[in-house]
Each structure stands twice: as C-alpha cells, then as structure tokens.
Amino acid sequence: MKGKRFALVSVLSAALLAFAVEPVAAQSTTIDLIDGLNERLLLIGVPITILVEVILIYTVLKFRNNDSPKPTRENRRLEITWTIATAIILLFVGVASYGVLANPNVTHMADQEVAPDDDDVVVHAEAFQWGWNMSYPEEGINTGTEIVLPADQDVYIVVTSQDVIHGFAVPELGLKQDAMPGQENVIKTVATEPGTYQGYCTEYCGVAHSQMYFTVEVLPQDQYDQWVQEQQASGNGSGNESASGNESASNATASGNESGGNASASLLAPAN
C-alpha cells in the first residue's frame, strides 16, 4: 500500500514540477508560438492523465478482491457530462491549434506576399547533393552554407532544390520546410535571440546526406548592417568559394563512394 501511495505522489509531483519549471527564452517568434501551443495542450493533457490514473488506481485497489462483480448501471447524466466535457476539450484543442498553424510565422501560405516591407530580409536557400547555397538576391550576396539574420526583423527564407527532395530545418528556431526541385516554399519568422544555430537537411537524399549542415547566425541590427556592407565591399568572394567548396566536397564524396563500390564489387567477384 505504501508503495502505491508513493507512486501516486511521484506522478503528481512530476506533473507539478513540469509546470513549475521556468521556460527557456524563445529564439524566434516561430518557436515561441509552437512552445506556447504545447504548453496549452499540456494544461489539458496532464490533468486528464492524472484523473484517469487516479480513477484506475482507485478501481484496482477497491475491487481487487471482488469475486462477484455486478454489471455497471446506466447513468445518463454521467454519459452526457463526459460527452460535453470531451466536446469542450476538443474545441479548445482545435481553436488553439488553428490559431498557431494559421499564423504566417508558422505556416506561410503560397498566396501570401513575400517581403511586403523594404526592411524585410529575403534569403534563398538552395539545396543540392550534398550541400547548400545560401544567397541574398536583393543585396547580391552569396554565403554558401551560412545564413546571417538580423534580430527582431521579419525574415523570409525561400527554400528550393536543384536536384532531389531535401529538407531545410533549424530546430532551435522552430523552422522546417521541404526543399522541392522546381518549387519554392517560403518560411517566415522573426529571430529574437542573437546567437548561432545549427541547421541541417531532414530528408534522406543520398550517401552524403549526413554532411548537409549549415549555420544560422542571428545578429543585432547594427551588426547585421555592418556585415552586409562588408560582404558587398569584399565582392563576396568567400561566399562563392564556400559554395564551390561544397560542390567539390560533394563530387569528391560521390567519387569516393563510387570507387569504394567498384572495389567492393571486384573483391566479391568470383575468381576465374
């Protein structure tokens, strides 16, 4: 009996602890919306889970020695009550989810305008086997596998692919979008926390898929403006070298795999 009480107290303590933990500051409006939705769903899910577990434990303990159980009596009031409660919960979940999914910072629709304001930043993220080519068409900058963004400013990332299906993802910023050949998908967000964040391809696309990393650096507005000026003044040679370096690395990887495959095939071939 003491063990069961201890288990129940542990479950309740863990649930209270989950609500008491102070959340980490959001790195973007996108991840802030997603985390906020998760917290609202937890406010519904955790009490329901605790209630069900308490009823289950109570039932097991109370009727564990009952050798002659009786059929459950019909209780229309109880049935109507839990039906209405379930409808209210589902309505809450639906409204909360739609409010987040319909937000342009989470799901940018094809009919929505890209960069309606002059201060907005537009980045093109083009994937290929096996690397990335990031560019700023309005500023005439090419940065290879690096994206630099200003904090607290609307950012639009246009994602596409040269060859096969890839995936653009930056989990810490709450960003994820498919990179489709011949199609442009747009991500909109506002980065709020300066720092460097890791991005990668989320769609298996070949032997060097695991090497498709890129970085997203968020800078204060004045530092971002200075970075743009430096890139334009230098002719952005480093960005082009980075892009060509990615292609060379990809070709070298493909050649190495092909050579390794031929060597393996020759070793497995029967001797004459």
Protein backbone atom coordinates (compact mmCIF):
# COMPACT_ATOMS: atom_id res chain seq x y z
CA MET A 1 0.00 0.00 0.00
CA LYS A 2 2.83 2.40 0.84
CA GLY A 3 4.48 1.68 -2.50
CA LYS A 4 1.31 2.55 -4.39
CA ARG A 5 0.87 5.77 -2.47
CA PHE A 6 4.48 6.66 -3.16
CA ALA A 7 3.94 6.04 -6.90
CA LEU A 8 0.85 8.27 -6.92
CA VAL A 9 2.68 11.05 -5.07
CA SER A 10 5.59 10.74 -7.51
CA VAL A 11 3.29 11.16 -10.53
CA LEU A 12 1.62 14.22 -9.01
CA SER A 13 4.98 15.73 -8.04
CA ALA A 14 6.40 15.22 -11.55
CA ALA A 15 3.35 16.92 -13.08
CA LEU A 16 3.62 19.91 -10.73
CA LEU A 17 7.35 20.14 -11.39
CA ALA A 18 6.76 20.24 -15.15
CA PHE A 19 4.54 23.30 -14.74
CA ALA A 20 6.86 24.97 -12.25
CA VAL A 21 9.97 24.86 -14.47
CA GLU A 22 10.68 28.27 -15.99
CA PRO A 23 10.71 28.04 -19.81
CA VAL A 24 13.81 28.99 -21.78
CA ALA A 25 13.64 32.30 -23.66
CA ALA A 26 12.33 31.75 -27.19
CA GLN A 27 14.83 32.21 -30.01
CA SER A 28 12.19 33.20 -32.60
CA THR A 29 8.51 34.01 -32.92
CA THR A 30 8.01 30.65 -34.63
CA ILE A 31 9.36 28.52 -31.78
CA ASP A 32 7.56 30.78 -29.30
CA LEU A 33 4.22 30.02 -30.97
CA ILE A 34 4.94 26.28 -31.10
CA ASP A 35 6.07 26.11 -27.46
CA GLY A 36 3.05 28.14 -26.39
CA LEU A 37 0.73 25.67 -28.12
CA ASN A 38 2.50 22.75 -26.43
CA GLU A 39 2.07 24.39 -23.02
CA ARG A 40 -1.66 24.97 -23.59
CA LEU A 41 -2.11 21.36 -24.68
CA LEU A 42 -0.24 20.20 -21.57
CA LEU A 43 -2.66 22.21 -19.42
CA ILE A 44 -5.38 19.94 -20.79
CA GLY A 45 -3.47 16.69 -21.17
CA VAL A 46 -1.76 16.48 -17.76
CA PRO A 47 -4.92 16.90 -15.58
CA ILE A 48 -6.79 14.37 -17.73
CA THR A 49 -3.92 11.89 -17.42
CA ILE A 50 -3.75 12.34 -13.65
CA LEU A 51 -7.54 11.98 -13.30
CA VAL A 52 -7.61 8.78 -15.33
CA GLU A 53 -4.67 7.29 -13.42
CA VAL A 54 -6.26 8.16 -10.04
CA ILE A 55 -9.56 6.54 -11.06
CA LEU A 56 -7.70 3.50 -12.39
CA ILE A 57 -5.66 3.03 -9.19
CA TYR A 58 -8.76 3.57 -7.02
CA THR A 59 -10.72 0.99 -9.02
CA VAL A 60 -7.95 -1.60 -8.88
CA LEU A 61 -7.50 -1.20 -5.11
CA LYS A 62 -11.19 -1.08 -4.23
CA PHE A 63 -12.38 -4.01 -6.34
CA ARG A 64 -9.26 -6.20 -6.43
CA ASN A 65 -10.90 -8.84 -4.19
CA ASN A 66 -14.38 -8.69 -5.71
CA ASP A 67 -15.17 -12.21 -6.95
CA SER A 68 -18.76 -11.43 -7.99
CA PRO A 69 -18.78 -8.15 -9.95
CA LYS A 70 -22.14 -6.66 -10.92
CA PRO A 71 -22.96 -5.02 -14.28
CA THR A 72 -22.46 -1.28 -14.43
CA ARG A 73 -25.71 0.65 -14.10
CA GLU A 74 -26.67 3.10 -16.81
CA ASN A 75 -26.10 6.70 -15.80
CA ARG A 76 -27.27 9.14 -18.47
CA ARG A 77 -26.16 12.20 -16.52
CA LEU A 78 -22.62 10.86 -16.35
CA GLU A 79 -22.61 9.98 -20.05
CA ILE A 80 -23.92 13.41 -21.05
CA THR A 81 -21.38 15.09 -18.75
CA TRP A 82 -18.33 13.36 -20.19
CA THR A 83 -19.62 13.79 -23.76
CA ILE A 84 -19.97 17.56 -23.25
CA ALA A 85 -16.59 17.73 -21.47
CA THR A 86 -14.91 15.87 -24.34
CA ALA A 87 -16.50 18.22 -26.89
CA ILE A 88 -15.27 21.27 -24.97
CA ILE A 89 -11.74 19.84 -24.76
CA LEU A 90 -11.63 19.03 -28.48
CA LEU A 91 -12.97 22.51 -29.31
CA PHE A 92 -10.23 24.09 -27.19
CA VAL A 93 -7.54 21.96 -28.84
CA GLY A 94 -8.86 22.74 -32.33
CA VAL A 95 -9.07 26.50 -31.78
CA ALA A 96 -5.65 26.67 -30.10
CA SER A 97 -4.02 24.60 -32.86
CA TYR A 98 -5.63 26.54 -35.69
CA GLY A 99 -4.55 29.85 -34.14
CA VAL A 100 -0.92 28.70 -34.31
CA LEU A 101 -0.98 26.82 -37.63
CA ALA A 102 -2.71 29.72 -39.40
CA ASN A 103 -0.04 32.17 -38.25
CA PRO A 104 2.33 33.17 -41.12
CA ASN A 105 5.30 32.72 -38.78
CA VAL A 106 4.47 29.00 -38.62
CA THR A 107 2.83 28.30 -41.98
CA HIS A 108 3.47 30.79 -44.76
CA MET A 109 0.83 30.27 -47.45
CA ALA A 110 1.62 30.45 -51.16
CA ASP A 111 -0.81 33.34 -51.72
CA GLN A 112 0.80 35.50 -49.00
CA GLU A 113 3.18 38.24 -50.12
CA VAL A 114 6.91 37.76 -49.61
CA ALA A 115 8.73 40.72 -48.00
CA PRO A 116 5.99 43.37 -48.16
CA ASP A 117 8.24 45.92 -46.39
CA ASP A 118 11.58 47.30 -47.59
CA ASP A 119 13.30 46.39 -44.30
CA ASP A 120 12.38 42.70 -44.58
CA VAL A 121 15.20 40.24 -45.27
CA VAL A 122 14.86 37.65 -48.05
CA VAL A 123 17.21 34.66 -48.12
CA HIS A 124 17.26 31.98 -50.81
CA ALA A 125 18.25 28.53 -49.52
CA GLU A 126 19.01 26.22 -52.45
CA ALA A 127 19.82 22.61 -51.66
CA PHE A 128 21.79 20.21 -53.83
CA GLN A 129 23.51 16.86 -53.45
CA TRP A 130 25.12 17.37 -50.99
CA GLY A 131 25.24 20.92 -49.73
CA TRP A 132 23.55 24.31 -49.56
CA ASN A 133 23.87 27.57 -51.41
CA MET A 134 22.52 30.50 -49.38
CA SER A 135 22.09 33.84 -51.11
CA TYR A 136 20.60 37.29 -50.62
CA PRO A 137 19.29 38.31 -54.06
CA GLU A 138 18.37 41.87 -53.07
CA GLU A 139 21.84 42.54 -51.60
CA GLY A 140 23.75 40.49 -54.21
CA ILE A 141 25.38 38.30 -51.54
CA ASN A 142 26.20 34.58 -51.65
CA THR A 143 27.23 32.94 -48.38
CA GLY A 144 27.46 29.23 -49.14
CA THR A 145 26.38 27.27 -46.06
CA GLU A 146 25.90 30.28 -43.75
CA ILE A 147 22.79 32.38 -43.11
CA VAL A 148 23.12 35.65 -41.21
CA LEU A 149 19.92 37.31 -39.96
CA PRO A 150 19.09 40.49 -38.04
CA ALA A 151 17.30 40.14 -34.72
CA ASP A 152 13.71 41.41 -34.34
CA GLN A 153 13.15 41.77 -38.09
CA ASP A 154 10.82 39.94 -40.48
CA VAL A 155 12.77 37.29 -42.37
CA TYR A 156 11.63 35.27 -45.40
CA ILE A 157 13.57 32.15 -46.38
CA VAL A 158 12.77 30.85 -49.87
CA VAL A 159 13.62 27.13 -49.94
CA THR A 160 14.16 25.13 -53.14
CA SER A 161 16.32 22.32 -54.56
CA GLN A 162 18.50 21.78 -57.63
CA ASP A 163 18.03 18.02 -57.92
CA VAL A 164 16.11 15.81 -55.45
CA ILE A 165 13.91 16.41 -52.42
CA HIS A 166 15.78 17.82 -49.42
CA GLY A 167 14.64 19.25 -46.09
CA PHE A 168 15.53 22.62 -44.52
CA ALA A 169 15.41 22.58 -40.72
CA VAL A 170 16.64 24.72 -37.82
CA PRO A 171 15.03 23.14 -34.71
CA GLU A 172 16.09 25.82 -32.20
CA LEU A 173 14.31 28.46 -34.30
CA GLY A 174 11.31 26.23 -34.99
CA LEU A 175 11.96 26.25 -38.76
CA LYS A 176 11.30 23.29 -41.07
CA GLN A 177 10.37 23.20 -44.75
CA ASP A 178 10.68 20.80 -47.68
CA ALA A 179 13.12 21.74 -50.44
CA MET A 180 11.47 20.62 -53.67
CA PRO A 181 13.06 20.74 -57.15
CA GLY A 182 11.29 23.25 -59.38
CA GLN A 183 9.24 24.64 -56.46
CA GLU A 184 9.76 27.45 -53.97
CA ASN A 185 8.47 27.12 -50.39
CA VAL A 186 8.66 30.13 -48.09
CA ILE A 187 9.38 30.28 -44.36
CA LYS A 188 8.60 33.46 -42.42
CA THR A 189 9.95 34.16 -38.95
CA VAL A 190 11.39 36.80 -36.64
CA ALA A 191 14.58 35.77 -34.82
CA THR A 192 14.56 37.31 -31.35
CA GLU A 193 17.67 35.92 -29.65
CA PRO A 194 21.16 36.63 -31.08
CA GLY A 195 23.31 33.54 -31.38
CA THR A 196 24.42 30.76 -33.72
CA TYR A 197 22.03 27.91 -34.53
CA GLN A 198 22.60 24.60 -36.30
CA GLY A 199 20.63 23.67 -39.40
CA TYR A 200 20.62 20.51 -41.48
CA CYS A 201 18.82 18.52 -44.16
CA THR A 202 15.95 16.38 -42.82
CA GLU A 203 15.18 14.37 -45.97
CA TYR A 204 17.41 11.42 -46.83
CA CYS A 205 18.89 12.38 -50.19
CA GLY A 206 21.87 10.10 -50.82
CA VAL A 207 25.19 8.87 -49.47
CA ALA A 208 26.38 12.27 -48.15
CA HIS A 209 23.04 13.32 -46.66
CA SER A 210 24.59 13.45 -43.17
CA GLN A 211 27.06 16.15 -44.33
CA MET A 212 24.37 18.67 -45.29
CA TYR A 213 24.81 21.04 -42.35
CA PHE A 214 24.52 24.82 -42.34
CA THR A 215 24.54 27.55 -39.70
CA VAL A 216 22.19 30.41 -38.92
CA GLU A 217 23.73 33.37 -37.10
CA VAL A 218 21.43 36.00 -35.60
CA LEU A 219 23.00 39.43 -35.03
CA PRO A 220 21.75 42.72 -33.61
CA GLN A 221 20.53 45.05 -36.36
CA ASP A 222 23.61 47.31 -36.36
CA GLN A 223 26.00 44.35 -36.58
CA TYR A 224 23.92 42.83 -39.36
CA ASP A 225 24.04 46.09 -41.35
CA GLN A 226 27.81 46.17 -40.90
CA TRP A 227 28.06 42.53 -42.06
CA VAL A 228 26.07 43.32 -45.22
CA GLN A 229 28.34 46.26 -46.01
CA GLU A 230 31.46 44.14 -45.51
CA GLN A 231 30.12 41.39 -47.76
CA GLN A 232 29.24 43.83 -50.52
CA ALA A 233 32.57 45.67 -50.22
CA SER A 234 34.59 42.45 -50.45
CA GLY A 235 32.73 41.27 -53.54
CA ASN A 236 31.60 38.24 -51.52
CA GLY A 237 34.44 36.06 -52.80
CA SER A 238 34.41 33.92 -49.68
CA GLY A 239 30.77 33.05 -50.20
CA ASN A 240 31.40 31.88 -53.77
CA GLU A 241 34.42 29.87 -52.64
CA SER A 242 32.28 28.27 -49.95
CA ALA A 243 29.62 27.29 -52.47
CA SER A 244 32.19 25.87 -54.88
CA GLY A 245 33.86 24.10 -51.96
CA ASN A 246 30.58 22.41 -51.11
CA GLU A 247 30.20 21.20 -54.70
CA SER A 248 33.79 19.93 -54.75
CA ALA A 249 33.28 18.11 -51.47
CA SER A 250 30.06 16.59 -52.79
CA ASN A 251 31.73 15.44 -56.00
CA ALA A 252 34.66 14.02 -54.02
CA THR A 253 32.29 12.14 -51.75
CA ALA A 254 30.35 10.75 -54.68
CA SER A 255 33.59 9.71 -56.44
CA GLY A 256 34.90 8.10 -53.27
CA ASN A 257 31.70 6.13 -52.79
CA GLU A 258 31.73 5.04 -56.43
CA SER A 259 35.37 3.92 -56.17
CA GLY A 260 34.64 2.10 -52.94
CA GLY A 261 31.64 0.40 -54.55
CA ASN A 262 33.73 -0.74 -57.55
CA ALA A 263 36.46 -2.04 -55.23
CA SER A 264 33.91 -3.97 -53.19
CA ALA A 265 32.37 -5.41 -56.35
CA SER A 266 35.80 -6.58 -57.57
CA LEU A 267 36.51 -8.27 -54.24
CA LEU A 268 33.19 -10.09 -54.29
CA ALA A 269 33.56 -11.23 -57.90
CA PRO A 270 34.43 -14.94 -58.23
CA ALA A 271 37.97 -15.74 -59.26
CA ASN A 272 38.47 -17.31 -62.71
